Amino acid sequence: MKGFKSQNNPKYFLKFENKVIKRIAHIIISFPQDQAKIRILKLKELIFKKIENESDENDLVKNFKIGTSKAIEMALSLLK
């Protein structure tokens, strides 16, 4: 996510969101439930720490945050 602030085009955010979703799927498939939950929560923390300074006024950032949060919530609900 180096240079995140300079990436203001929709394709970048869509590709990045897709990578996050693929990573979550890989974690679910590759690890036992407890480990998968921990890894997904760590991934969430890492992603949101990197973008915490981004303004929610930017629709691209706002939509990325919403989409990523929903994907993580769904993944965690599957692991219960």
Foldseek 3Di string as FASTA:
>chain_A
DPPVVVDQDLVVLVVVLVVLLVVLVCLLVPDQLVSSLVVLVVVVVVVCVVCVPPDCVRVSSVVSNVSNVVSSVVSNVVSD
